Amino acid sequence: MNTENKKLLLDLITTDDLRQFRKSLLSDIEQILKENIKPKTKTWLKSNEAKALLEVSNGTLQNLRNNGTLPFTKVGGVIYYNRDDIQKMLLENKQSY
């Protein structure tokens, strides 16, 4: 591209044009990210989170652990439940009427 063509191109594209293009591009990127990024769900839940998910009391959650209905992992003094194990337990105990 020769100097004259470059000057002609620069005369056609203004700073305002570039600003508008930038705004449009950022808006498009933001929309793509919103559509493609899903909130990550936690794999391991603490007791309070598992209780809230199942809508059960401390005693019921403990009974589910004690009778082997709901597997758990204990690290230090903290008990964790795998979200998939909770889902599996619910499906296995599903009642059809």
PDB file of N, CA and C in Angstrom:
ATOM      1  N   MET A   1       0.868  -1.167   0.000  1.00  0.00           N
ATOM      2  CA  MET A   1       0.000   0.000   0.000  1.00  0.00           C
ATOM      3  C   MET A   1       0.914   1.228   0.000  1.00  0.00           C
ATOM      4  N   ASN A   2       0.672   2.122  -0.953  1.00  0.00           N
ATOM      5  CA  ASN A   2       1.525   3.309  -1.033  1.00  0.00           C
ATOM      6  C   ASN A   2       1.055   4.380  -0.052  1.00  0.00           C
ATOM      7  N   THR A   3       1.844   5.414   0.074  1.00  0.00           N
ATOM      8  CA  THR A   3       1.602   6.473   1.057  1.00  0.00           C
ATOM      9  C   THR A   3       0.280   7.175   0.804  1.00  0.00           C
ATOM     10  N   GLU A   4      -0.047   7.381  -0.433  1.00  0.00           N
ATOM     11  CA  GLU A   4      -1.298   8.073  -0.762  1.00  0.00           C
ATOM     12  C   GLU A   4      -2.513   7.246  -0.339  1.00  0.00           C
ATOM     13  N   ASN A   5      -2.475   5.952  -0.572  1.00  0.00           N
ATOM     14  CA  ASN A   5      -3.581   5.071  -0.163  1.00  0.00           C
ATOM     15  C   ASN A   5      -3.706   5.011   1.365  1.00  0.00           C
ATOM     16  N   LYS A   6      -2.572   4.999   2.068  1.00  0.00           N
ATOM     17  CA  LYS A   6      -2.593   4.987   3.526  1.00  0.00           C
ATOM     18  C   LYS A   6      -3.246   6.264   4.062  1.00  0.00           C
ATOM     19  N   LYS A   7      -2.881   7.401   3.462  1.00  0.00           N
ATOM     20  CA  LYS A   7      -3.459   8.670   3.895  1.00  0.00           C
ATOM     21  C   LYS A   7      -4.957   8.695   3.647  1.00  0.00           C
ATOM     22  N   LEU A   8      -5.384   8.179   2.510  1.00  0.00           N
ATOM     23  CA  LEU A   8      -6.803   8.122   2.185  1.00  0.00           C
ATOM     24  C   LEU A   8      -7.546   7.245   3.198  1.00  0.00           C
ATOM     25  N   LEU A   9      -6.949   6.113   3.547  1.00  0.00           N
ATOM     26  CA  LEU A   9      -7.554   5.214   4.523  1.00  0.00           C
ATOM     27  C   LEU A   9      -7.648   5.892   5.889  1.00  0.00           C
ATOM     28  N   LEU A  10      -6.595   6.588   6.302  1.00  0.00           N
ATOM     29  CA  LEU A  10      -6.603   7.283   7.582  1.00  0.00           C
ATOM     30  C   LEU A  10      -7.637   8.400   7.604  1.00  0.00           C
ATOM     31  N   ASP A  11      -7.857   9.026   6.472  1.00  0.00           N
ATOM     32  CA  ASP A  11      -8.863  10.076   6.394  1.00  0.00           C
ATOM     33  C   ASP A  11     -10.274   9.508   6.515  1.00  0.00           C
ATOM     34  N   LEU A  12     -10.479   8.271   6.118  1.00  0.00           N
ATOM     35  CA  LEU A  12     -11.797   7.660   6.159  1.00  0.00           C
ATOM     36  C   LEU A  12     -12.144   7.124   7.557  1.00  0.00           C
ATOM     37  N   ILE A  13     -11.130   6.633   8.297  1.00  0.00           N
ATOM     38  CA  ILE A  13     -11.361   6.080   9.627  1.00  0.00           C
ATOM     39  C   ILE A  13     -10.990   7.131  10.660  1.00  0.00           C
ATOM     40  N   THR A  14     -11.989   7.545  11.428  1.00  0.00           N
ATOM     41  CA  THR A  14     -11.754   8.571  12.438  1.00  0.00           C
ATOM     42  C   THR A  14     -11.554   7.931  13.806  1.00  0.00           C
ATOM     43  N   THR A  15     -11.108   8.734  14.733  1.00  0.00           N
ATOM     44  CA  THR A  15     -10.954   8.271  16.116  1.00  0.00           C
ATOM     45  C   THR A  15     -12.292   7.841  16.680  1.00  0.00           C
ATOM     46  N   ASP A  16     -13.333   8.567  16.347  1.00  0.00           N
ATOM     47  CA  ASP A  16     -14.669   8.193  16.807  1.00  0.00           C
ATOM     48  C   ASP A  16     -15.099   6.844  16.235  1.00  0.00           C
ATOM     49  N   ASP A  17     -14.739   6.588  14.995  1.00  0.00           N
ATOM     50  CA  ASP A  17     -15.047   5.282  14.396  1.00  0.00           C
ATOM     51  C   ASP A  17     -14.364   4.163  15.180  1.00  0.00           C
ATOM     52  N   LEU A  18     -13.118   4.379  15.540  1.00  0.00           N
ATOM     53  CA  LEU A  18     -12.373   3.373  16.288  1.00  0.00           C
ATOM     54  C   LEU A  18     -12.964   3.174  17.683  1.00  0.00           C
ATOM     55  N   ARG A  19     -13.378   4.255  18.322  1.00  0.00           N
ATOM     56  CA  ARG A  19     -14.011   4.145  19.638  1.00  0.00           C
ATOM     57  C   ARG A  19     -15.314   3.347  19.556  1.00  0.00           C
ATOM     58  N   GLN A  20     -16.099   3.641  18.536  1.00  0.00           N
ATOM     59  CA  GLN A  20     -17.365   2.929  18.354  1.00  0.00           C
ATOM     60  C   GLN A  20     -17.105   1.444  18.075  1.00  0.00           C
ATOM     61  N   PHE A  21     -16.101   1.159  17.264  1.00  0.00           N
ATOM     62  CA  PHE A  21     -15.741  -0.231  16.972  1.00  0.00           C
ATOM     63  C   PHE A  21     -15.310  -0.944  18.248  1.00  0.00           C
ATOM     64  N   ARG A  22     -14.525  -0.266  19.078  1.00  0.00           N
ATOM     65  CA  ARG A  22     -14.065  -0.837  20.349  1.00  0.00           C
ATOM     66  C   ARG A  22     -15.244  -1.167  21.254  1.00  0.00           C
ATOM     67  N   LYS A  23     -16.179  -0.228  21.381  1.00  0.00           N
ATOM     68  CA  LYS A  23     -17.365  -0.463  22.211  1.00  0.00           C
ATOM     69  C   LYS A  23     -18.161  -1.662  21.701  1.00  0.00           C
ATOM     70  N   SER A  24     -18.339  -1.708  20.410  1.00  0.00           N
ATOM     71  CA  SER A  24     -19.095  -2.797  19.803  1.00  0.00           C
ATOM     72  C   SER A  24     -18.392  -4.139  20.012  1.00  0.00           C
ATOM     73  N   LEU A  25     -17.092  -4.162  19.836  1.00  0.00           N
ATOM     74  CA  LEU A  25     -16.311  -5.382  20.012  1.00  0.00           C
ATOM     75  C   LEU A  25     -16.369  -5.862  21.458  1.00  0.00           C
ATOM     76  N   LEU A  26     -16.183  -4.943  22.413  1.00  0.00           N
ATOM     77  CA  LEU A  26     -16.247  -5.316  23.827  1.00  0.00           C
ATOM     78  C   LEU A  26     -17.635  -5.828  24.204  1.00  0.00           C
ATOM     79  N   SER A  27     -18.660  -5.217  23.661  1.00  0.00           N
ATOM     80  CA  SER A  27     -20.026  -5.662  23.926  1.00  0.00           C
ATOM     81  C   SER A  27     -20.245  -7.074  23.384  1.00  0.00           C
ATOM     82  N   ASP A  28     -19.747  -7.331  22.191  1.00  0.00           N
ATOM     83  CA  ASP A  28     -19.874  -8.666  21.599  1.00  0.00           C
ATOM     84  C   ASP A  28     -19.122  -9.710  22.419  1.00  0.00           C
ATOM     85  N   ILE A  29     -17.934  -9.393  22.871  1.00  0.00           N
ATOM     86  CA  ILE A  29     -17.150 -10.320  23.688  1.00  0.00           C
ATOM     87  C   ILE A  29     -17.860 -10.602  25.001  1.00  0.00           C
ATOM     88  N   GLU A  30     -18.383  -9.556  25.635  1.00  0.00           N
ATOM     89  CA  GLU A  30     -19.109  -9.720  26.895  1.00  0.00           C
ATOM     90  C   GLU A  30     -20.318 -10.641  26.716  1.00  0.00           C
ATOM     91  N   GLN A  31     -21.049 -10.474  25.628  1.00  0.00           N
ATOM     92  CA  GLN A  31     -22.222 -11.307  25.358  1.00  0.00           C
ATOM     93  C   GLN A  31     -21.815 -12.770  25.142  1.00  0.00           C
ATOM     94  N   ILE A  32     -20.755 -12.996  24.410  1.00  0.00           N
ATOM     95  CA  ILE A  32     -20.270 -14.361  24.172  1.00  0.00           C
ATOM     96  C   ILE A  32     -19.870 -15.016  25.485  1.00  0.00           C
ATOM     97  N   LEU A  33     -19.175 -14.279  26.340  1.00  0.00           N
ATOM     98  CA  LEU A  33     -18.758 -14.830  27.628  1.00  0.00           C
ATOM     99  C   LEU A  33     -19.960 -15.163  28.501  1.00  0.00           C
ATOM    100  N   LYS A  34     -20.964 -14.303  28.526  1.00  0.00           N
ATOM    101  CA  LYS A  34     -22.164 -14.556  29.326  1.00  0.00           C
ATOM    102  C   LYS A  34     -22.886 -15.815  28.862  1.00  0.00           C
ATOM    103  N   GLU A  35     -22.913 -16.032  27.553  1.00  0.00           N
ATOM    104  CA  GLU A  35     -23.613 -17.183  26.992  1.00  0.00           C
ATOM    105  C   GLU A  35     -22.850 -18.484  27.204  1.00  0.00           C
ATOM    106  N   ASN A  36     -21.534 -18.427  27.253  1.00  0.00           N
ATOM    107  CA  ASN A  36     -20.732 -19.644  27.262  1.00  0.00           C
ATOM    108  C   ASN A  36     -20.138 -20.026  28.603  1.00  0.00           C
ATOM    109  N   ILE A  37     -20.174 -19.129  29.572  1.00  0.00           N
ATOM    110  CA  ILE A  37     -19.596 -19.446  30.875  1.00  0.00           C
ATOM    111  C   ILE A  37     -20.736 -19.731  31.842  1.00  0.00           C
ATOM    112  N   LYS A  38     -20.762 -20.952  32.330  1.00  0.00           N
ATOM    113  CA  LYS A  38     -21.779 -21.345  33.296  1.00  0.00           C
ATOM    114  C   LYS A  38     -21.146 -21.349  34.672  1.00  0.00           C
ATOM    115  N   PRO A  39     -21.927 -21.000  35.680  1.00  0.00           N
ATOM    116  CA  PRO A  39     -21.359 -21.038  37.024  1.00  0.00           C
ATOM    117  C   PRO A  39     -20.915 -22.450  37.373  1.00  0.00           C
ATOM    118  N   LYS A  40     -19.755 -22.540  37.958  1.00  0.00           N
ATOM    119  CA  LYS A  40     -19.216 -23.835  38.333  1.00  0.00           C
ATOM    120  C   LYS A  40     -19.871 -24.289  39.637  1.00  0.00           C
ATOM    121  N   THR A  41     -20.366 -25.517  39.621  1.00  0.00           N
ATOM    122  CA  THR A  41     -20.945 -26.051  40.839  1.00  0.00           C
ATOM    123  C   THR A  41     -19.870 -26.793  41.612  1.00  0.00           C
ATOM    124  N   LYS A  42     -19.957 -26.698  42.908  1.00  0.00           N
ATOM    125  CA  LYS A  42     -18.981 -27.352  43.766  1.00  0.00           C
ATOM    126  C   LYS A  42     -19.203 -28.854  43.740  1.00  0.00           C
ATOM    127  N   THR A  43     -18.113 -29.607  43.694  1.00  0.00           N
ATOM    128  CA  THR A  43     -18.186 -31.060  43.727  1.00  0.00           C
ATOM    129  C   THR A  43     -18.340 -31.563  45.148  1.00  0.00           C
ATOM    130  N   TRP A  44     -17.587 -30.973  46.061  1.00  0.00           N
ATOM    131  CA  TRP A  44     -17.595 -31.416  47.456  1.00  0.00           C
ATOM    132  C   TRP A  44     -18.312 -30.398  48.324  1.00  0.00           C
ATOM    133  N   LEU A  45     -19.298 -30.880  49.068  1.00  0.00           N
ATOM    134  CA  LEU A  45     -20.101 -30.011  49.924  1.00  0.00           C
ATOM    135  C   LEU A  45     -19.816 -30.298  51.385  1.00  0.00           C
ATOM    136  N   LYS A  46     -19.750 -29.261  52.191  1.00  0.00           N
ATOM    137  CA  LYS A  46     -19.641 -29.425  53.639  1.00  0.00           C
ATOM    138  C   LYS A  46     -21.015 -29.792  54.181  1.00  0.00           C
ATOM    139  N   SER A  47     -21.050 -30.217  55.441  1.00  0.00           N
ATOM    140  CA  SER A  47     -22.301 -30.687  56.038  1.00  0.00           C
ATOM    141  C   SER A  47     -23.428 -29.668  55.916  1.00  0.00           C
ATOM    142  N   ASN A  48     -23.158 -28.412  56.209  1.00  0.00           N
ATOM    143  CA  ASN A  48     -24.214 -27.391  56.130  1.00  0.00           C
ATOM    144  C   ASN A  48     -24.765 -27.251  54.713  1.00  0.00           C
ATOM    145  N   GLU A  49     -23.895 -27.364  53.729  1.00  0.00           N
ATOM    146  CA  GLU A  49     -24.336 -27.265  52.341  1.00  0.00           C
ATOM    147  C   GLU A  49     -25.163 -28.485  51.951  1.00  0.00           C
ATOM    148  N   ALA A  50     -24.732 -29.672  52.396  1.00  0.00           N
ATOM    149  CA  ALA A  50     -25.477 -30.902  52.105  1.00  0.00           C
ATOM    150  C   ALA A  50     -26.846 -30.865  52.785  1.00  0.00           C
ATOM    151  N   LYS A  51     -26.882 -30.399  54.037  1.00  0.00           N
ATOM    152  CA  LYS A  51     -28.156 -30.281  54.754  1.00  0.00           C
ATOM    153  C   LYS A  51     -29.107 -29.342  54.019  1.00  0.00           C
ATOM    154  N   ALA A  52     -28.591 -28.224  53.562  1.00  0.00           N
ATOM    155  CA  ALA A  52     -29.425 -27.250  52.849  1.00  0.00           C
ATOM    156  C   ALA A  52     -29.923 -27.838  51.529  1.00  0.00           C
ATOM    157  N   LEU A  53     -29.061 -28.545  50.830  1.00  0.00           N
ATOM    158  CA  LEU A  53     -29.445 -29.144  49.556  1.00  0.00           C
ATOM    159  C   LEU A  53     -30.532 -30.193  49.750  1.00  0.00           C
ATOM    160  N   LEU A  54     -30.374 -31.015  50.771  1.00  0.00           N
ATOM    161  CA  LEU A  54     -31.341 -32.081  51.042  1.00  0.00           C
ATOM    162  C   LEU A  54     -32.525 -31.617  51.880  1.00  0.00           C
ATOM    163  N   GLU A  55     -32.389 -30.447  52.490  1.00  0.00           N
ATOM    164  CA  GLU A  55     -33.412 -29.903  53.391  1.00  0.00           C
ATOM    165  C   GLU A  55     -33.692 -30.881  54.529  1.00  0.00           C
ATOM    166  N   VAL A  56     -32.601 -31.303  55.202  1.00  0.00           N
ATOM    167  CA  VAL A  56     -32.706 -32.225  56.339  1.00  0.00           C
ATOM    168  C   VAL A  56     -31.998 -31.622  57.548  1.00  0.00           C
ATOM    169  N   SER A  57     -32.243 -32.238  58.702  1.00  0.00           N
ATOM    170  CA  SER A  57     -31.631 -31.769  59.951  1.00  0.00           C
ATOM    171  C   SER A  57     -30.254 -32.396  60.140  1.00  0.00           C
ATOM    172  N   ASN A  58     -29.541 -31.911  61.160  1.00  0.00           N
ATOM    173  CA  ASN A  58     -28.245 -32.498  61.520  1.00  0.00           C
ATOM    174  C   ASN A  58     -28.387 -33.991  61.800  1.00  0.00           C
ATOM    175  N   GLY A  59     -29.411 -34.354  62.562  1.00  0.00           N
ATOM    176  CA  GLY A  59     -29.623 -35.750  62.937  1.00  0.00           C
ATOM    177  C   GLY A  59     -29.888 -36.647  61.740  1.00  0.00           C
ATOM    178  N   THR A  60     -30.687 -36.165  60.817  1.00  0.00           N
ATOM    179  CA  THR A  60     -30.985 -36.955  59.614  1.00  0.00           C
ATOM    180  C   THR A  60     -29.731 -37.144  58.785  1.00  0.00           C
ATOM    181  N   LEU A  61     -28.940 -36.099  58.641  1.00  0.00           N
ATOM    182  CA  LEU A  61     -27.696 -36.214  57.875  1.00  0.00           C
ATOM    183  C   LEU A  61     -26.752 -37.210  58.546  1.00  0.00           C
ATOM    184  N   GLN A  62     -26.686 -37.157  59.859  1.00  0.00           N
ATOM    185  CA  GLN A  62     -25.843 -38.098  60.590  1.00  0.00           C
ATOM    186  C   GLN A  62     -26.356 -39.535  60.404  1.00  0.00           C
ATOM    187  N   ASN A  63     -27.666 -39.731  60.441  1.00  0.00           N
ATOM    188  CA  ASN A  63     -28.234 -41.061  60.209  1.00  0.00           C
ATOM    189  C   ASN A  63     -27.902 -41.578  58.812  1.00  0.00           C
ATOM    190  N   LEU A  64     -27.952 -40.710  57.826  1.00  0.00           N
ATOM    191  CA  LEU A  64     -27.604 -41.109  56.455  1.00  0.00           C
ATOM    192  C   LEU A  64     -26.146 -41.554  56.371  1.00  0.00           C
ATOM    193  N   ARG A  65     -25.279 -40.885  57.133  1.00  0.00           N
ATOM    194  CA  ARG A  65     -23.862 -41.288  57.198  1.00  0.00           C
ATOM    195  C   ARG A  65     -23.729 -42.614  57.928  1.00  0.00           C
ATOM    196  N   ASN A  66     -24.342 -42.699  59.116  1.00  0.00           N
ATOM    197  CA  ASN A  66     -24.165 -43.862  59.982  1.00  0.00           C
ATOM    198  C   ASN A  66     -24.665 -45.159  59.356  1.00  0.00           C
ATOM    199  N   ASN A  67     -25.796 -45.084  58.635  1.00  0.00           N
ATOM    200  CA  ASN A  67     -26.330 -46.320  58.057  1.00  0.00           C
ATOM    201  C   ASN A  67     -25.798 -46.610  56.653  1.00  0.00           C
ATOM    202  N   GLY A  68     -24.842 -45.789  56.197  1.00  0.00           N
ATOM    203  CA  GLY A  68     -24.189 -46.042  54.912  1.00  0.00           C
ATOM    204  C   GLY A  68     -24.982 -45.609  53.692  1.00  0.00           C
ATOM    205  N   THR A  69     -26.075 -44.902  53.922  1.00  0.00           N
ATOM    206  CA  THR A  69     -26.894 -44.441  52.799  1.00  0.00           C
ATOM    207  C   THR A  69     -26.178 -43.365  51.990  1.00  0.00           C
ATOM    208  N   LEU A  70     -25.448 -42.512  52.679  1.00  0.00           N
ATOM    209  CA  LEU A  70     -24.760 -41.402  52.015  1.00  0.00           C
ATOM    210  C   LEU A  70     -23.267 -41.452  52.325  1.00  0.00           C
ATOM    211  N   PRO A  71     -22.449 -41.773  51.321  1.00  0.00           N
ATOM    212  CA  PRO A  71     -21.001 -41.788  51.541  1.00  0.00           C
ATOM    213  C   PRO A  71     -20.482 -40.394  51.886  1.00  0.00           C
ATOM    214  N   PHE A  72     -19.373 -40.351  52.596  1.00  0.00           N
ATOM    215  CA  PHE A  72     -18.772 -39.082  52.977  1.00  0.00           C
ATOM    216  C   PHE A  72     -17.264 -39.258  53.091  1.00  0.00           C
ATOM    217  N   THR A  73     -16.585 -38.136  53.156  1.00  0.00           N
ATOM    218  CA  THR A  73     -15.146 -38.108  53.357  1.00  0.00           C
ATOM    219  C   THR A  73     -14.869 -37.157  54.512  1.00  0.00           C
ATOM    220  N   LYS A  74     -13.996 -37.575  55.398  1.00  0.00           N
ATOM    221  CA  LYS A  74     -13.656 -36.722  56.530  1.00  0.00           C
ATOM    222  C   LYS A  74     -12.189 -36.337  56.423  1.00  0.00           C
ATOM    223  N   VAL A  75     -11.936 -35.057  56.415  1.00  0.00           N
ATOM    224  CA  VAL A  75     -10.575 -34.524  56.363  1.00  0.00           C
ATOM    225  C   VAL A  75     -10.416 -33.636  57.589  1.00  0.00           C
ATOM    226  N   GLY A  76      -9.512 -34.046  58.468  1.00  0.00           N
ATOM    227  CA  GLY A  76      -9.397 -33.337  59.738  1.00  0.00           C
ATOM    228  C   GLY A  76     -10.709 -33.529  60.470  1.00  0.00           C
ATOM    229  N   GLY A  77     -11.334 -32.453  60.846  1.00  0.00           N
ATOM    230  CA  GLY A  77     -12.629 -32.546  61.516  1.00  0.00           C
ATOM    231  C   GLY A  77     -13.788 -32.165  60.617  1.00  0.00           C
ATOM    232  N   VAL A  78     -13.524 -32.002  59.322  1.00  0.00           N
ATOM    233  CA  VAL A  78     -14.557 -31.534  58.404  1.00  0.00           C
ATOM    234  C   VAL A  78     -15.063 -32.700  57.559  1.00  0.00           C
ATOM    235  N   ILE A  79     -16.382 -32.833  57.492  1.00  0.00           N
ATOM    236  CA  ILE A  79     -17.000 -33.889  56.695  1.00  0.00           C
ATOM    237  C   ILE A  79     -17.460 -33.291  55.366  1.00  0.00           C
ATOM    238  N   TYR A  80     -17.121 -34.003  54.285  1.00  0.00           N
ATOM    239  CA  TYR A  80     -17.483 -33.577  52.935  1.00  0.00           C
ATOM    240  C   TYR A  80     -18.356 -34.639  52.274  1.00  0.00           C
ATOM    241  N   TYR A  81     -19.294 -34.187  51.446  1.00  0.00           N
ATOM    242  CA  TYR A  81     -20.175 -35.064  50.692  1.00  0.00           C
ATOM    243  C   TYR A  81     -20.015 -34.736  49.215  1.00  0.00           C
ATOM    244  N   ASN A  82     -19.909 -35.764  48.396  1.00  0.00           N
ATOM    245  CA  ASN A  82     -19.800 -35.564  46.957  1.00  0.00           C
ATOM    246  C   ASN A  82     -21.199 -35.299  46.392  1.00  0.00           C
ATOM    247  N   ARG A  83     -21.322 -34.247  45.608  1.00  0.00           N
ATOM    248  CA  ARG A  83     -22.620 -33.870  45.037  1.00  0.00           C
ATOM    249  C   ARG A  83     -23.207 -35.017  44.212  1.00  0.00           C
ATOM    250  N   ASP A  84     -22.362 -35.737  43.482  1.00  0.00           N
ATOM    251  CA  ASP A  84     -22.849 -36.865  42.675  1.00  0.00           C
ATOM    252  C   ASP A  84     -23.387 -37.989  43.564  1.00  0.00           C
ATOM    253  N   ASP A  85     -22.756 -38.218  44.729  1.00  0.00           N
ATOM    254  CA  ASP A  85     -23.250 -39.236  45.663  1.00  0.00           C
ATOM    255  C   ASP A  85     -24.620 -38.865  46.198  1.00  0.00           C
ATOM    256  N   ILE A  86     -24.833 -37.592  46.448  1.00  0.00           N
ATOM    257  CA  ILE A  86     -26.138 -37.128  46.932  1.00  0.00           C
ATOM    258  C   ILE A  86     -27.190 -37.367  45.853  1.00  0.00           C
ATOM    259  N   GLN A  87     -26.857 -37.009  44.623  1.00  0.00           N
ATOM    260  CA  GLN A  87     -27.779 -37.209  43.495  1.00  0.00           C
ATOM    261  C   GLN A  87     -28.095 -38.698  43.327  1.00  0.00           C
ATOM    262  N   LYS A  88     -27.067 -39.532  43.406  1.00  0.00           N
ATOM    263  CA  LYS A  88     -27.241 -40.978  43.266  1.00  0.00           C
ATOM    264  C   LYS A  88     -28.158 -41.517  44.372  1.00  0.00           C
ATOM    265  N   MET A  89     -27.941 -41.084  45.612  1.00  0.00           N
ATOM    266  CA  MET A  89     -28.769 -41.522  46.733  1.00  0.00           C
ATOM    267  C   MET A  89     -30.231 -41.158  46.498  1.00  0.00           C
ATOM    268  N   LEU A  90     -30.465 -39.956  46.028  1.00  0.00           N
ATOM    269  CA  LEU A  90     -31.836 -39.524  45.771  1.00  0.00           C
ATOM    270  C   LEU A  90     -32.489 -40.369  44.682  1.00  0.00           C
ATOM    271  N   LEU A  91     -31.751 -40.649  43.630  1.00  0.00           N
ATOM    272  CA  LEU A  91     -32.305 -41.450  42.537  1.00  0.00           C
ATOM    273  C   LEU A  91     -32.556 -42.893  42.963  1.00  0.00           C
ATOM    274  N   GLU A  92     -31.642 -43.450  43.753  1.00  0.00           N
ATOM    275  CA  GLU A  92     -31.795 -44.832  44.204  1.00  0.00           C
ATOM    276  C   GLU A  92     -32.981 -44.991  45.150  1.00  0.00           C
ATOM    277  N   ASN A  93     -33.340 -43.950  45.850  1.00  0.00           N
ATOM    278  CA  ASN A  93     -34.436 -44.017  46.821  1.00  0.00           C
ATOM    279  C   ASN A  93     -35.729 -43.406  46.293  1.00  0.00           C
ATOM    280  N   LYS A  94     -35.769 -43.164  45.005  1.00  0.00           N
ATOM    281  CA  LYS A  94     -36.947 -42.575  44.371  1.00  0.00           C
ATOM    282  C   LYS A  94     -38.115 -43.556  44.460  1.00  0.00           C
ATOM    283  N   GLN A  95     -39.250 -43.057  44.861  1.00  0.00           N
ATOM    284  CA  GLN A  95     -40.457 -43.876  45.004  1.00  0.00           C
ATOM    285  C   GLN A  95     -41.434 -43.574  43.872  1.00  0.00           C
ATOM    286  N   SER A  96     -41.987 -44.595  43.292  1.00  0.00           N
ATOM    287  CA  SER A  96     -43.025 -44.435  42.270  1.00  0.00           C
ATOM    288  C   SER A  96     -44.366 -44.843  42.865  1.00  0.00           C
ATOM    289  N   TYR A  97     -45.343 -44.005  42.689  1.00  0.00           N
ATOM    290  CA  TYR A  97     -46.682 -44.316  43.227  1.00  0.00           C
ATOM    291  C   TYR A  97     -47.668 -44.483  42.113  1.00  0.00           C
TER     292      TYR A  97
END
